[in-house]
Amino acid sequence: MALVSAAEMLKKAREGKYAVGAFNTNNLEWTKAILQGAQESNAPVMIQTSMGAAKYMGGYQLCVHMVEDLIESMGITVPVALHLDHGEYEDALKCIEVGYTSVMYDGSHLDFDTNIEQAKDVVAKAHAKGVSVECEVGSIGGEEDGIIGSGELADPQECKAMADTGIDFLAAGIGNIHGSYPENWTGLSFETLAEIAEITGGNLPLVLHGGSGIPLEQVQKAISLGVSKINVNTECQEVFAAATRKYIEEGKDLEGKGFDPRKLLAPGTEAVVELVKQRIEWFGSKDKA
């Protein structure tokens, strides 16, 4: 099955009151794990690369070919979108050209007028090629590829202005952060989320960044208020590291050819598969392909 735009899958999610899992990949193993988890769950899925992860893997074009080839070789039949996560203006345009089917232009660190103007240009160029667009208002807390946010609450009026650019889905700060949540985190601001959902028309898919570590009940309440895409990265990193550490601490890398990367990375890869399947259950997208 060919890669698809995320616009239709998120529109269906918004209408059906579930969310599509958007899982960041960092290598071949993770990409296979995300695809396997989605296929076994019969769920639509978004595979995301940050700018840094794409560079690490060999560049945007390589990422496109890797995902496309794996979809074919693994016999994947569920809808899959390849999405740029937190892309700067030039990177978003490059991804549109090389074959990504969805991009996030993140101008939240710029002045708002510049953010809006560049968003309009990205939308025009992306939609001309059938590519979906996500933009952000109000920086998300924590750090993502060197962009640091304190987790402020987005201004609903600015969200309305961004929605009017024609974007397909909107990321807005509602107290969420990237990375691990601190013990003193006060939770998501559902009042802000409800206001944003209403002012943007009541049907625009909203995006929850920093999905790792948010309690299930808060995740599901956010979905009920319009969140249709939930990003997961840190939790994948954590379970992959824990499973790999366990394999080595048990000395399995010293048994026979246990040091072979195919064996060494297998437990972590399987841990990511299981996490993807669990989060798909959480988000309500199982059997929604």
Protein backbone atom coordinates (compact mmCIF):
# COMPACT_ATOMS: atom_id res chain seq x y z
CA MET A 1 0.00 0.00 0.00
CA ALA A 2 1.34 3.45 -0.91
CA LEU A 3 1.97 6.13 1.70
CA VAL A 4 -1.05 8.38 2.24
CA SER A 5 -1.70 11.90 3.43
CA ALA A 6 -2.71 12.15 7.09
CA ALA A 7 -5.60 14.51 6.34
CA GLU A 8 -8.25 11.85 5.74
CA MET A 9 -7.19 9.52 8.57
CA LEU A 10 -7.27 12.38 11.08
CA LYS A 11 -10.59 13.67 9.77
CA LYS A 12 -12.04 10.20 10.37
CA ALA A 13 -10.45 10.10 13.82
CA ARG A 14 -11.95 13.49 14.73
CA GLU A 15 -15.40 12.35 13.62
CA GLY A 16 -15.06 8.96 15.30
CA LYS A 17 -13.65 10.36 18.57
CA TYR A 18 -10.42 8.37 18.56
CA ALA A 19 -6.83 9.36 17.88
CA VAL A 20 -4.19 8.14 15.45
CA GLY A 21 -0.86 7.22 17.01
CA ALA A 22 2.08 9.20 15.59
CA PHE A 23 5.25 7.35 16.52
CA ASN A 24 8.72 8.79 16.01
CA THR A 25 11.27 6.50 14.41
CA ASN A 26 15.02 6.64 14.82
CA ASN A 27 16.22 3.65 12.81
CA LEU A 28 15.24 0.63 10.71
CA GLU A 29 14.26 -1.48 13.72
CA TRP A 30 11.87 1.13 15.08
CA THR A 31 10.28 1.67 11.68
CA LYS A 32 9.64 -2.06 11.32
CA ALA A 33 8.29 -2.18 14.88
CA ILE A 34 5.84 0.68 14.31
CA LEU A 35 4.57 -0.86 11.08
CA GLN A 36 4.23 -4.31 12.67
CA GLY A 37 2.36 -2.91 15.68
CA ALA A 38 -0.05 -0.98 13.46
CA GLN A 39 -0.64 -3.91 11.11
CA GLU A 40 -1.31 -6.34 13.97
CA SER A 41 -3.73 -3.78 15.44
CA ASN A 42 -5.38 -3.06 12.08
CA ALA A 43 -4.88 0.64 12.80
CA PRO A 44 -3.94 3.68 10.72
CA VAL A 45 -0.58 5.04 11.80
CA MET A 46 1.76 7.98 11.32
CA ILE A 47 5.51 7.39 11.28
CA GLN A 48 7.36 10.57 12.21
CA THR A 49 10.95 11.70 11.83
CA SER A 50 12.36 14.71 13.58
CA MET A 51 14.88 16.73 11.60
CA GLY A 52 17.70 15.29 13.70
CA ALA A 53 16.54 11.69 13.41
CA ALA A 54 16.19 11.97 9.64
CA LYS A 55 19.74 13.34 9.42
CA TYR A 56 20.98 10.50 11.64
CA MET A 57 19.31 7.92 9.39
CA GLY A 58 20.82 9.34 6.21
CA GLY A 59 18.48 12.10 5.12
CA TYR A 60 14.85 12.68 4.20
CA GLN A 61 14.95 10.82 0.90
CA LEU A 62 16.39 7.72 2.54
CA CYS A 63 13.58 7.83 5.12
CA VAL A 64 10.97 7.92 2.35
CA HIS A 65 12.51 4.96 0.55
CA MET A 66 12.95 2.99 3.78
CA VAL A 67 9.32 3.35 4.82
CA GLU A 68 7.98 2.71 1.30
CA ASP A 69 10.16 -0.39 0.87
CA LEU A 70 9.21 -1.78 4.29
CA ILE A 71 5.51 -1.29 3.57
CA GLU A 72 5.96 -3.40 0.43
CA SER A 73 8.27 -6.07 1.87
CA MET A 74 6.24 -6.48 5.09
CA GLY A 75 2.92 -6.59 3.23
CA ILE A 76 1.50 -3.66 5.19
CA THR A 77 -2.14 -2.96 4.31
CA VAL A 78 -3.11 -0.34 6.92
CA PRO A 79 -2.94 3.38 6.01
CA VAL A 80 0.52 4.83 6.76
CA ALA A 81 1.53 8.49 6.58
CA LEU A 82 5.17 9.60 6.74
CA HIS A 83 5.30 12.85 8.71
CA LEU A 84 8.00 15.43 9.44
CA ASP A 85 7.87 16.32 13.15
CA HIS A 86 8.77 19.87 14.24
CA GLY A 87 10.16 20.87 10.88
CA GLU A 88 11.62 24.27 10.16
CA TYR A 89 10.42 26.10 7.06
CA GLU A 90 13.11 24.90 4.63
CA ASP A 91 12.95 21.34 5.95
CA ALA A 92 9.18 21.22 5.53
CA LEU A 93 9.52 22.33 1.90
CA LYS A 94 12.26 19.77 1.26
CA CYS A 95 10.15 16.95 2.70
CA ILE A 96 7.22 17.95 0.50
CA GLU A 97 9.47 17.61 -2.52
CA VAL A 98 11.11 14.26 -1.67
CA GLY A 99 7.93 12.32 -0.86
CA TYR A 100 6.81 12.80 2.72
CA THR A 101 3.02 12.66 2.75
CA SER A 102 2.62 14.94 5.76
CA VAL A 103 4.70 17.72 7.31
CA MET A 104 4.71 19.78 10.45
CA TYR A 105 5.93 23.31 9.97
CA ASP A 106 6.90 24.54 13.43
CA GLY A 107 7.28 28.31 13.50
CA SER A 108 6.16 28.61 17.12
CA HIS A 109 9.55 30.02 18.15
CA LEU A 110 9.20 32.89 15.65
CA ASP A 111 7.05 36.00 15.95
CA PHE A 112 3.43 35.16 15.26
CA ASP A 113 3.10 37.10 11.98
CA THR A 114 6.12 35.29 10.53
CA ASN A 115 4.74 31.97 11.73
CA ILE A 116 1.43 32.67 9.96
CA GLU A 117 3.00 33.84 6.69
CA GLN A 118 5.34 30.88 6.42
CA ALA A 119 2.52 28.51 7.38
CA LYS A 120 0.43 29.84 4.49
CA ASP A 121 3.28 29.19 2.07
CA VAL A 122 3.87 25.67 3.37
CA VAL A 123 0.14 24.91 3.13
CA ALA A 124 -0.01 26.12 -0.48
CA LYS A 125 3.02 24.09 -1.57
CA ALA A 126 1.99 20.99 0.38
CA HIS A 127 -1.63 20.92 -0.74
CA ALA A 128 -0.53 21.29 -4.36
CA LYS A 129 1.13 17.87 -3.95
CA GLY A 130 -1.54 16.28 -1.78
CA VAL A 131 0.55 16.56 1.39
CA SER A 132 -1.11 17.29 4.75
CA VAL A 133 0.13 20.05 7.07
CA GLU A 134 0.36 20.47 10.83
CA CYS A 135 1.37 23.75 12.47
CA GLU A 136 1.93 24.78 16.06
CA VAL A 137 0.78 27.65 18.25
CA GLY A 138 2.26 28.09 21.71
CA SER A 139 5.49 26.16 22.18
CA ILE A 140 5.26 22.68 23.64
CA GLY A 141 7.26 22.21 26.84
CA GLY A 142 10.53 20.32 27.04
CA GLU A 143 13.04 19.92 24.20
CA GLU A 144 12.72 18.61 20.66
CA ASP A 145 15.80 18.80 18.44
CA GLY A 146 17.13 21.82 20.33
CA ILE A 147 13.83 23.73 20.34
CA ILE A 148 12.96 24.29 24.00
CA GLY A 149 9.52 25.27 25.27
CA SER A 150 8.23 25.82 28.78
CA GLY A 151 4.80 24.36 28.16
CA GLU A 152 2.74 27.50 27.95
CA LEU A 153 -0.93 27.57 27.09
CA ALA A 154 -1.70 28.58 23.50
CA ASP A 155 -3.76 31.70 22.81
CA PRO A 156 -7.10 30.53 21.33
CA GLN A 157 -7.29 33.61 19.08
CA GLU A 158 -3.88 32.74 17.62
CA CYS A 159 -5.09 29.17 17.15
CA LYS A 160 -8.06 30.51 15.16
CA ALA A 161 -5.74 32.59 12.96
CA MET A 162 -3.52 29.55 12.34
CA ALA A 163 -6.53 27.34 11.56
CA ASP A 164 -7.64 29.90 8.98
CA THR A 165 -4.42 29.35 6.98
CA GLY A 166 -5.92 26.07 5.77
CA ILE A 167 -3.80 23.66 7.81
CA ASP A 168 -5.10 20.11 8.18
CA PHE A 169 -4.43 19.72 11.91
CA LEU A 170 -3.25 21.96 14.73
CA ALA A 171 -0.77 21.47 17.56
CA ALA A 172 -1.45 23.81 20.47
CA GLY A 173 0.21 24.09 23.85
CA ILE A 174 -2.15 22.93 26.61
CA GLY A 175 0.41 22.28 29.33
CA ASN A 176 1.98 19.27 27.61
CA ILE A 177 5.74 18.78 27.38
CA HIS A 178 8.24 16.70 25.42
CA GLY A 179 10.23 14.10 27.31
CA SER A 180 9.50 12.78 30.80
CA TYR A 181 6.93 14.62 32.90
CA PRO A 182 8.20 16.02 36.22
CA GLU A 183 6.54 15.02 39.49
CA ASN A 184 5.11 18.53 39.95
CA TRP A 185 3.38 18.57 36.53
CA THR A 186 -0.14 19.89 37.00
CA GLY A 187 -1.72 18.07 34.05
CA LEU A 188 -3.33 19.15 30.79
CA SER A 189 -5.49 22.27 30.64
CA PHE A 190 -8.78 20.88 29.35
CA GLU A 191 -10.37 24.31 29.62
CA THR A 192 -7.84 25.65 27.12
CA LEU A 193 -8.28 22.61 24.88
CA ALA A 194 -12.07 22.97 24.84
CA GLU A 195 -11.80 26.67 23.99
CA ILE A 196 -9.36 25.97 21.15
CA ALA A 197 -11.60 23.22 19.76
CA GLU A 198 -14.61 25.51 19.76
CA ILE A 199 -12.95 28.59 18.29
CA THR A 200 -11.34 26.59 15.45
CA GLY A 201 -14.73 25.37 14.28
CA GLY A 202 -15.34 22.23 16.30
CA ASN A 203 -14.04 19.81 13.66
CA LEU A 204 -10.36 20.62 13.11
CA PRO A 205 -8.20 17.67 14.28
CA LEU A 206 -6.00 18.72 17.19
CA VAL A 207 -2.61 17.28 18.06
CA LEU A 208 -1.24 16.28 21.46
CA HIS A 209 2.54 16.48 21.52
CA GLY A 210 4.46 14.96 24.40
CA GLY A 211 2.12 11.97 24.55
CA SER A 212 4.63 9.89 26.52
CA GLY A 213 3.76 9.78 30.20
CA ILE A 214 0.32 11.40 30.14
CA PRO A 215 -2.09 9.24 32.21
CA LEU A 216 -4.66 7.21 30.29
CA GLU A 217 -7.65 9.09 31.69
CA GLN A 218 -6.19 12.45 30.58
CA VAL A 219 -5.37 11.05 27.13
CA GLN A 220 -8.92 9.82 26.65
CA LYS A 221 -10.45 13.07 27.91
CA ALA A 222 -8.27 15.00 25.46
CA ILE A 223 -9.52 12.76 22.64
CA SER A 224 -13.11 13.45 23.66
CA LEU A 225 -12.38 17.19 23.29
CA GLY A 226 -10.94 16.96 19.76
CA VAL A 227 -7.41 15.55 19.95
CA SER A 228 -7.05 13.26 16.92
CA LYS A 229 -3.27 12.71 16.74
CA ILE A 230 -1.04 11.80 19.67
CA ASN A 231 2.75 11.83 19.42
CA VAL A 232 4.81 9.13 21.12
CA ASN A 233 8.61 9.08 21.21
CA THR A 234 10.12 9.09 24.71
CA GLU A 235 8.24 5.98 25.82
CA CYS A 236 9.55 4.09 22.79
CA GLN A 237 13.09 5.16 23.70
CA GLU A 238 12.57 4.06 27.31
CA VAL A 239 11.22 0.57 26.58
CA PHE A 240 13.83 -0.01 23.85
CA ALA A 241 16.65 0.94 26.23
CA ALA A 242 15.24 -1.12 29.11
CA ALA A 243 14.87 -4.28 27.01
CA THR A 244 18.35 -3.88 25.52
CA ARG A 245 19.86 -3.27 28.96
CA LYS A 246 18.17 -6.41 30.33
CA TYR A 247 19.51 -8.51 27.45
CA ILE A 248 23.08 -7.35 28.11
CA GLU A 249 22.90 -7.48 31.91
CA GLU A 250 21.71 -11.09 31.66
CA GLY A 251 24.82 -11.82 29.61
CA LYS A 252 22.88 -12.95 26.56
CA ASP A 253 25.19 -10.99 24.27
CA LEU A 254 28.00 -13.31 25.42
CA GLU A 255 26.11 -16.51 24.65
CA GLY A 256 27.01 -17.92 21.25
CA LYS A 257 26.54 -15.14 18.70
CA GLY A 258 24.31 -13.10 20.97
CA PHE A 259 26.37 -10.05 20.08
CA ASP A 260 24.99 -10.15 16.52
CA PRO A 261 23.07 -6.85 16.09
CA ARG A 262 20.08 -8.79 14.81
CA LYS A 263 19.91 -10.59 18.16
CA LEU A 264 21.12 -7.70 20.30
CA LEU A 265 18.45 -5.30 19.02
CA ALA A 266 15.60 -7.83 18.88
CA PRO A 267 14.32 -7.46 22.50
CA GLY A 268 14.17 -3.67 22.22
CA THR A 269 12.44 -3.88 18.86
CA GLU A 270 9.81 -6.25 20.24
CA ALA A 271 9.30 -3.90 23.20
CA VAL A 272 8.51 -1.07 20.78
CA VAL A 273 6.04 -3.31 18.90
CA GLU A 274 4.19 -4.04 22.16
CA LEU A 275 4.17 -0.38 23.22
CA VAL A 276 2.79 0.69 19.82
CA LYS A 277 -0.01 -1.88 20.13
CA GLN A 278 -0.81 -0.78 23.69
CA ARG A 279 -0.93 2.90 22.78
CA ILE A 280 -3.15 2.15 19.78
CA GLU A 281 -5.55 0.52 22.26
CA TRP A 282 -5.34 3.60 24.49
CA PHE A 283 -6.08 5.92 21.58
CA GLY A 284 -9.07 3.90 20.36
CA SER A 285 -7.71 3.42 16.83
CA LYS A 286 -7.54 -0.40 16.89
CA ASP A 287 -9.47 -1.88 13.96
CA LYS A 288 -10.01 1.58 12.46
CA ALA A 289 -7.89 0.92 9.36
